[in-house]
Amino acid sequence: MILAKRGVLGLCPIIATTLFSQFETSEVLCTVLDPSGVPVPNATVALTNQDTSIEMKTATDSNGNYDFFNVKVGRYTVVVEATEYLCLAPG
């Protein structure tokens, strides 16, 4: 996920991902970076199952990393919120 620096609270683009596995659960690992490649710490990350609307939340660490454990296989939307960053929407 890439966020552009701005002056207010921003939302990252909604990205739909599909997790496929031969297991019932998986793990979602990612790093949030700004356009210059600098990690975005303390961003709020929401992972929402598109079929059940169940949402999980976490925050990025000091290196911009986040992790969701025991995620049921399915289609998900990821939304990142970070103070002083504005979303860059695809296309």
Protein backbone atom coordinates (compact mmCIF):
# COMPACT_ATOMS: atom_id res chain seq x y z
CA MET A 1 0.00 0.00 0.00
CA ILE A 2 1.32 3.41 -0.86
CA LEU A 3 0.12 6.58 0.85
CA ALA A 4 0.85 10.15 -0.23
CA LYS A 5 1.74 12.71 2.39
CA ARG A 6 -0.95 15.33 2.93
CA GLY A 7 -2.03 17.41 5.91
CA VAL A 8 -5.04 15.52 7.23
CA LEU A 9 -6.33 12.02 7.92
CA GLY A 10 -6.55 9.92 4.76
CA LEU A 11 -7.87 6.54 3.67
CA CYS A 12 -5.85 4.15 1.59
CA PRO A 13 -7.44 2.65 -1.52
CA ILE A 14 -9.63 -0.35 -0.98
CA ILE A 15 -7.84 -3.36 -2.33
CA ALA A 16 -9.68 -6.62 -2.81
CA THR A 17 -7.54 -9.65 -2.30
CA THR A 18 -8.46 -13.28 -2.52
CA LEU A 19 -6.74 -15.80 -0.33
CA PHE A 20 -6.51 -19.27 -1.76
CA SER A 21 -5.11 -22.13 0.23
CA GLN A 22 -5.50 -25.78 0.96
CA PHE A 23 -5.88 -24.80 4.61
CA GLU A 24 -8.88 -23.25 6.35
CA THR A 25 -6.94 -20.25 7.62
CA SER A 26 -4.05 -18.16 6.39
CA GLU A 27 -1.98 -15.13 7.37
CA VAL A 28 -1.96 -11.66 5.80
CA LEU A 29 1.39 -9.85 6.01
CA CYS A 30 2.13 -6.49 4.42
CA THR A 31 4.10 -3.25 4.76
CA VAL A 32 2.63 0.24 4.33
CA LEU A 33 5.04 2.65 2.61
CA ASP A 34 4.81 6.26 1.48
CA PRO A 35 5.72 7.15 -2.15
CA SER A 36 9.38 7.60 -1.23
CA GLY A 37 9.51 4.12 0.29
CA VAL A 38 9.50 5.25 3.92
CA PRO A 39 7.46 2.98 6.26
CA VAL A 40 4.25 4.44 7.70
CA PRO A 41 4.11 3.63 11.44
CA ASN A 42 0.97 3.58 13.61
CA ALA A 43 -1.46 3.39 10.66
CA THR A 44 -4.78 1.67 11.34
CA VAL A 45 -5.40 -1.33 9.08
CA ALA A 46 -8.84 -2.93 8.67
CA LEU A 47 -9.29 -6.31 6.96
CA THR A 48 -12.93 -7.04 6.02
CA ASN A 49 -14.29 -10.31 4.66
CA GLN A 50 -16.36 -9.40 1.58
CA ASP A 51 -18.76 -12.32 2.06
CA THR A 52 -19.43 -12.08 5.81
CA SER A 53 -18.58 -8.39 6.50
CA ILE A 54 -16.53 -9.52 9.52
CA GLU A 55 -13.81 -6.94 10.16
CA MET A 56 -10.48 -7.26 11.97
CA LYS A 57 -8.26 -4.32 12.87
CA THR A 58 -4.62 -3.84 13.73
CA ALA A 59 -1.96 -1.12 13.52
CA THR A 60 1.34 -0.95 11.68
CA ASP A 61 4.51 -1.22 13.74
CA SER A 62 7.44 1.24 13.63
CA ASN A 63 8.57 -0.38 10.34
CA GLY A 64 5.14 -0.06 8.68
CA ASN A 65 4.46 -3.81 8.97
CA TYR A 66 1.15 -5.39 9.91
CA ASP A 67 0.00 -8.98 10.29
CA PHE A 68 -3.36 -10.71 10.57
CA PHE A 69 -3.23 -14.29 11.87
CA ASN A 70 -5.81 -17.09 11.46
CA VAL A 71 -7.63 -15.41 8.58
CA LYS A 72 -10.28 -17.64 7.04
CA VAL A 73 -9.70 -18.21 3.35
CA GLY A 74 -11.89 -15.88 1.24
CA ARG A 75 -12.18 -12.47 -0.44
CA TYR A 76 -11.05 -9.50 1.62
CA THR A 77 -10.87 -5.71 1.48
CA VAL A 78 -7.96 -3.90 3.13
CA VAL A 79 -8.33 -0.26 4.23
CA VAL A 80 -5.46 1.73 5.78
CA GLU A 81 -5.90 5.01 7.64
CA ALA A 82 -2.92 7.15 8.57
CA THR A 83 -2.70 10.66 9.97
CA GLU A 84 -1.22 13.15 7.50
CA TYR A 85 -1.56 10.80 4.54
CA LEU A 86 -3.95 10.86 1.60
CA CYS A 87 -4.91 7.84 -0.48
CA LEU A 88 -3.72 7.26 -3.97
CA ALA A 89 -6.62 5.46 -5.63
CA PRO A 90 -5.79 3.06 -8.44
CA GLY A 91 -6.77 4.04 -12.01
